[in-house]
Amino acid sequence: MKKFLAIFSFLFIAVGLFWVCYKFFMTSSDDPPEFANFSTTLEPLACDMNKAACPVDFNGEQLKFELNPKPIYAMRPVTLKIAGGAKLALKEPGLGIYGLNMDMGVIRARLEQKGDDLLAQVVLSACVVDIMRYRFDVTDKGSKIGLHIDFDLKI
């Protein structure tokens, strides 16, 4: 039994030393961490929905996207309003919301018509980057229609 324990201990120490040497000699400080797969350089957006409504031209119609209340914070409910969205005549309007510079999955929300506008309540999640760029894709029956707007959530 002592012989078995001595061999097992020797193998455990040898594997541990191999792993430490491999990590020390085979990786450099220039290698990014394996979990950090995101973009930190973003071009500024033409319009900032943290400050005002942003116009978007789609199929000859001008729509305005607006988030309220301002400023927008992560993990707090906000209302997305698409002014003039009723002109799109969507049967089952919805949103697909996802991060462009970090994979956070897809947030789905239903758009409801209120007068000439489409409204949705959403909660945006955050991650380790300073600026999370989201894309709001308008959908009909779960399929993208080609209308979208990008938004920067500053952490």
C-alpha atoms as a PDB file:
ATOM      1  CA  MET A   1       0.000   0.000   0.000  1.00  0.00           C
ATOM      2  CA  LYS A   2       2.888   2.362   0.810  1.00  0.00           C
ATOM      3  CA  LYS A   3       4.413   1.629  -2.582  1.00  0.00           C
ATOM      4  CA  PHE A   4       1.120   2.487  -4.355  1.00  0.00           C
ATOM      5  CA  LEU A   5       0.798   5.732  -2.370  1.00  0.00           C
ATOM      6  CA  ALA A   6       4.397   6.716  -3.187  1.00  0.00           C
ATOM      7  CA  ILE A   7       3.879   6.092  -6.937  1.00  0.00           C
ATOM      8  CA  PHE A   8       0.579   7.994  -6.933  1.00  0.00           C
ATOM      9  CA  SER A   9       2.167  10.948  -5.094  1.00  0.00           C
ATOM     10  CA  PHE A  10       5.114  10.997  -7.516  1.00  0.00           C
ATOM     11  CA  LEU A  11       2.770  11.019 -10.538  1.00  0.00           C
ATOM     12  CA  PHE A  12       0.614  13.762  -9.012  1.00  0.00           C
ATOM     13  CA  ILE A  13       3.673  15.969  -8.366  1.00  0.00           C
ATOM     14  CA  ALA A  14       5.104  15.263 -11.852  1.00  0.00           C
ATOM     15  CA  VAL A  15       1.851  16.204 -13.601  1.00  0.00           C
ATOM     16  CA  GLY A  16       1.566  19.342 -11.465  1.00  0.00           C
ATOM     17  CA  LEU A  17       5.131  20.413 -12.303  1.00  0.00           C
ATOM     18  CA  PHE A  18       4.534  19.741 -16.002  1.00  0.00           C
ATOM     19  CA  TRP A  19       1.382  21.878 -15.974  1.00  0.00           C
ATOM     20  CA  VAL A  20       3.123  24.772 -14.132  1.00  0.00           C
ATOM     21  CA  CYS A  21       6.114  24.686 -16.488  1.00  0.00           C
ATOM     22  CA  TYR A  22       3.843  24.542 -19.532  1.00  0.00           C
ATOM     23  CA  LYS A  23       1.848  27.566 -18.367  1.00  0.00           C
ATOM     24  CA  PHE A  24       5.000  29.488 -17.454  1.00  0.00           C
ATOM     25  CA  PHE A  25       7.089  28.752 -20.552  1.00  0.00           C
ATOM     26  CA  MET A  26       4.488  28.210 -23.290  1.00  0.00           C
ATOM     27  CA  THR A  27       2.214  31.223 -22.773  1.00  0.00           C
ATOM     28  CA  SER A  28       3.175  34.873 -22.890  1.00  0.00           C
ATOM     29  CA  SER A  29       1.712  37.969 -21.322  1.00  0.00           C
ATOM     30  CA  ASP A  30       0.609  39.036 -24.823  1.00  0.00           C
ATOM     31  CA  ASP A  31      -1.881  36.164 -25.020  1.00  0.00           C
ATOM     32  CA  PRO A  32      -5.390  37.348 -24.169  1.00  0.00           C
ATOM     33  CA  PRO A  33      -7.257  35.424 -21.501  1.00  0.00           C
ATOM     34  CA  GLU A  34      -9.418  32.682 -22.964  1.00  0.00           C
ATOM     35  CA  PHE A  35     -12.657  34.165 -21.619  1.00  0.00           C
ATOM     36  CA  ALA A  36     -12.024  37.708 -22.909  1.00  0.00           C
ATOM     37  CA  ASN A  37     -13.460  37.421 -26.402  1.00  0.00           C
ATOM     38  CA  PHE A  38     -14.912  40.881 -26.930  1.00  0.00           C
ATOM     39  CA  SER A  39     -14.203  44.083 -28.838  1.00  0.00           C
ATOM     40  CA  THR A  40     -13.034  47.089 -26.861  1.00  0.00           C
ATOM     41  CA  THR A  41     -12.697  49.469 -29.809  1.00  0.00           C
ATOM     42  CA  LEU A  42     -16.048  50.761 -30.984  1.00  0.00           C
ATOM     43  CA  GLU A  43     -16.705  53.463 -33.539  1.00  0.00           C
ATOM     44  CA  PRO A  44     -18.989  56.161 -32.107  1.00  0.00           C
ATOM     45  CA  LEU A  45     -22.628  55.867 -33.146  1.00  0.00           C
ATOM     46  CA  ALA A  46     -24.247  58.596 -35.215  1.00  0.00           C
ATOM     47  CA  CYS A  47     -27.022  59.021 -32.652  1.00  0.00           C
ATOM     48  CA  ASP A  48     -26.999  58.405 -28.883  1.00  0.00           C
ATOM     49  CA  MET A  49     -30.314  57.163 -27.479  1.00  0.00           C
ATOM     50  CA  ASN A  50     -29.026  58.048 -23.998  1.00  0.00           C
ATOM     51  CA  LYS A  51     -29.567  61.679 -25.010  1.00  0.00           C
ATOM     52  CA  ALA A  52     -32.383  61.842 -27.567  1.00  0.00           C
ATOM     53  CA  ALA A  53     -34.616  59.919 -29.950  1.00  0.00           C
ATOM     54  CA  CYS A  54     -32.788  58.582 -33.008  1.00  0.00           C
ATOM     55  CA  PRO A  55     -34.302  58.684 -36.503  1.00  0.00           C
ATOM     56  CA  VAL A  56     -34.114  55.675 -38.839  1.00  0.00           C
ATOM     57  CA  ASP A  57     -35.284  55.579 -42.464  1.00  0.00           C
ATOM     58  CA  PHE A  58     -36.889  52.273 -43.443  1.00  0.00           C
ATOM     59  CA  ASN A  59     -38.792  51.536 -46.671  1.00  0.00           C
ATOM     60  CA  GLY A  60     -39.439  55.236 -47.286  1.00  0.00           C
ATOM     61  CA  GLU A  61     -40.743  55.835 -43.764  1.00  0.00           C
ATOM     62  CA  GLN A  62     -38.941  57.810 -41.071  1.00  0.00           C
ATOM     63  CA  LEU A  63     -39.216  56.205 -37.652  1.00  0.00           C
ATOM     64  CA  LYS A  64     -37.768  57.369 -34.337  1.00  0.00           C
ATOM     65  CA  PHE A  65     -36.358  55.027 -31.719  1.00  0.00           C
ATOM     66  CA  GLU A  66     -36.345  56.281 -28.131  1.00  0.00           C
ATOM     67  CA  LEU A  67     -35.476  54.760 -24.747  1.00  0.00           C
ATOM     68  CA  ASN A  68     -36.940  56.043 -21.463  1.00  0.00           C
ATOM     69  CA  PRO A  69     -36.219  56.864 -18.692  1.00  0.00           C
ATOM     70  CA  LYS A  70     -32.872  58.500 -19.337  1.00  0.00           C
ATOM     71  CA  PRO A  71     -30.094  57.837 -18.498  1.00  0.00           C
ATOM     72  CA  ILE A  72     -30.356  54.138 -19.247  1.00  0.00           C
ATOM     73  CA  TYR A  73     -28.853  51.705 -16.722  1.00  0.00           C
ATOM     74  CA  ALA A  74     -28.245  47.981 -16.928  1.00  0.00           C
ATOM     75  CA  MET A  75     -30.650  45.682 -15.075  1.00  0.00           C
ATOM     76  CA  ARG A  76     -33.365  48.352 -14.832  1.00  0.00           C
ATOM     77  CA  PRO A  77     -36.564  48.333 -16.911  1.00  0.00           C
ATOM     78  CA  VAL A  78     -36.635  50.748 -19.840  1.00  0.00           C
ATOM     79  CA  THR A  79     -39.277  51.424 -22.461  1.00  0.00           C
ATOM     80  CA  LEU A  80     -38.328  51.310 -26.128  1.00  0.00           C
ATOM     81  CA  LYS A  81     -40.627  53.426 -28.257  1.00  0.00           C
ATOM     82  CA  ILE A  82     -40.680  53.314 -32.046  1.00  0.00           C
ATOM     83  CA  ALA A  83     -42.522  56.491 -33.033  1.00  0.00           C
ATOM     84  CA  GLY A  84     -44.502  55.877 -36.218  1.00  0.00           C
ATOM     85  CA  GLY A  85     -43.989  52.117 -35.963  1.00  0.00           C
ATOM     86  CA  ALA A  86     -47.653  51.386 -36.658  1.00  0.00           C
ATOM     87  CA  LYS A  87     -46.975  52.341 -40.307  1.00  0.00           C
ATOM     88  CA  LEU A  88     -45.015  49.098 -40.645  1.00  0.00           C
ATOM     89  CA  ALA A  89     -48.267  47.082 -40.337  1.00  0.00           C
ATOM     90  CA  LEU A  90     -46.594  44.148 -38.580  1.00  0.00           C
ATOM     91  CA  LYS A  91     -48.793  41.197 -37.633  1.00  0.00           C
ATOM     92  CA  GLU A  92     -46.767  40.054 -34.591  1.00  0.00           C
ATOM     93  CA  PRO A  93     -44.220  42.804 -33.876  1.00  0.00           C
ATOM     94  CA  GLY A  94     -41.314  41.971 -31.623  1.00  0.00           C
ATOM     95  CA  LEU A  95     -37.694  42.705 -30.816  1.00  0.00           C
ATOM     96  CA  GLY A  96     -34.528  40.650 -30.839  1.00  0.00           C
ATOM     97  CA  ILE A  97     -31.938  42.403 -28.662  1.00  0.00           C
ATOM     98  CA  TYR A  98     -28.346  41.210 -28.595  1.00  0.00           C
ATOM     99  CA  GLY A  99     -24.843  42.457 -27.893  1.00  0.00           C
ATOM    100  CA  LEU A 100     -22.556  43.278 -30.807  1.00  0.00           C
ATOM    101  CA  ASN A 101     -19.292  43.419 -28.870  1.00  0.00           C
ATOM    102  CA  MET A 102     -20.048  40.636 -26.376  1.00  0.00           C
ATOM    103  CA  ASP A 103     -22.209  37.529 -26.690  1.00  0.00           C
ATOM    104  CA  MET A 104     -24.930  37.895 -24.072  1.00  0.00           C
ATOM    105  CA  GLY A 105     -27.546  35.775 -25.817  1.00  0.00           C
ATOM    106  CA  VAL A 106     -30.720  37.196 -27.346  1.00  0.00           C
ATOM    107  CA  ILE A 107     -33.314  39.104 -25.343  1.00  0.00           C
ATOM    108  CA  ARG A 108     -36.761  38.800 -26.893  1.00  0.00           C
ATOM    109  CA  ALA A 109     -39.519  41.323 -26.282  1.00  0.00           C
ATOM    110  CA  ARG A 110     -42.974  41.865 -27.691  1.00  0.00           C
ATOM    111  CA  LEU A 111     -43.861  45.229 -29.230  1.00  0.00           C
ATOM    112  CA  GLU A 112     -47.328  46.548 -28.496  1.00  0.00           C
ATOM    113  CA  GLN A 113     -49.096  49.149 -30.600  1.00  0.00           C
ATOM    114  CA  LYS A 114     -50.167  52.316 -28.774  1.00  0.00           C
ATOM    115  CA  GLY A 115     -51.658  54.758 -31.260  1.00  0.00           C
ATOM    116  CA  ASP A 116     -49.086  55.291 -34.025  1.00  0.00           C
ATOM    117  CA  ASP A 117     -46.224  53.954 -31.906  1.00  0.00           C
ATOM    118  CA  LEU A 118     -44.808  50.564 -30.962  1.00  0.00           C
ATOM    119  CA  LEU A 119     -43.698  50.083 -27.326  1.00  0.00           C
ATOM    120  CA  ALA A 120     -41.749  47.403 -25.467  1.00  0.00           C
ATOM    121  CA  GLN A 121     -40.511  47.067 -21.896  1.00  0.00           C
ATOM    122  CA  VAL A 122     -36.997  45.586 -21.732  1.00  0.00           C
ATOM    123  CA  VAL A 123     -34.252  45.003 -19.189  1.00  0.00           C
ATOM    124  CA  LEU A 124     -30.733  45.198 -20.597  1.00  0.00           C
ATOM    125  CA  SER A 125     -28.026  43.075 -19.021  1.00  0.00           C
ATOM    126  CA  ALA A 126     -24.410  44.113 -18.554  1.00  0.00           C
ATOM    127  CA  CYS A 127     -21.022  42.454 -18.568  1.00  0.00           C
ATOM    128  CA  VAL A 128     -17.383  43.317 -17.891  1.00  0.00           C
ATOM    129  CA  VAL A 129     -16.850  45.788 -20.739  1.00  0.00           C
ATOM    130  CA  ASP A 130     -17.212  49.551 -20.171  1.00  0.00           C
ATOM    131  CA  ILE A 131     -19.525  50.037 -23.153  1.00  0.00           C
ATOM    132  CA  MET A 132     -21.957  47.335 -24.192  1.00  0.00           C
ATOM    133  CA  ARG A 133     -23.200  47.841 -27.748  1.00  0.00           C
ATOM    134  CA  TYR A 134     -26.659  46.397 -28.280  1.00  0.00           C
ATOM    135  CA  ARG A 135     -28.614  45.945 -31.495  1.00  0.00           C
ATOM    136  CA  PHE A 136     -32.396  46.200 -31.452  1.00  0.00           C
ATOM    137  CA  ASP A 137     -33.749  44.121 -34.371  1.00  0.00           C
ATOM    138  CA  VAL A 138     -37.429  44.587 -35.163  1.00  0.00           C
ATOM    139  CA  THR A 139     -39.108  41.283 -35.976  1.00  0.00           C
ATOM    140  CA  ASP A 140     -42.448  40.136 -37.335  1.00  0.00           C
ATOM    141  CA  LYS A 141     -43.584  36.634 -36.337  1.00  0.00           C
ATOM    142  CA  GLY A 142     -40.065  36.043 -34.990  1.00  0.00           C
ATOM    143  CA  SER A 143     -38.275  36.882 -38.267  1.00  0.00           C
ATOM    144  CA  LYS A 144     -36.068  39.929 -38.817  1.00  0.00           C
ATOM    145  CA  ILE A 145     -37.540  42.512 -41.192  1.00  0.00           C
ATOM    146  CA  GLY A 146     -34.299  44.437 -41.779  1.00  0.00           C
ATOM    147  CA  LEU A 147     -35.063  47.302 -39.402  1.00  0.00           C
ATOM    148  CA  HIS A 148     -32.575  47.757 -36.577  1.00  0.00           C
ATOM    149  CA  ILE A 149     -30.761  50.350 -34.491  1.00  0.00           C
ATOM    150  CA  ASP A 150     -27.645  50.130 -32.363  1.00  0.00           C
ATOM    151  CA  PHE A 151     -27.349  51.504 -28.842  1.00  0.00           C
ATOM    152  CA  ASP A 152     -24.441  51.895 -26.411  1.00  0.00           C
ATOM    153  CA  LEU A 153     -25.065  51.030 -22.772  1.00  0.00           C
ATOM    154  CA  LYS A 154     -22.337  52.604 -20.672  1.00  0.00           C
ATOM    155  CA  ILE A 155     -21.452  50.768 -17.493  1.00  0.00           C
END
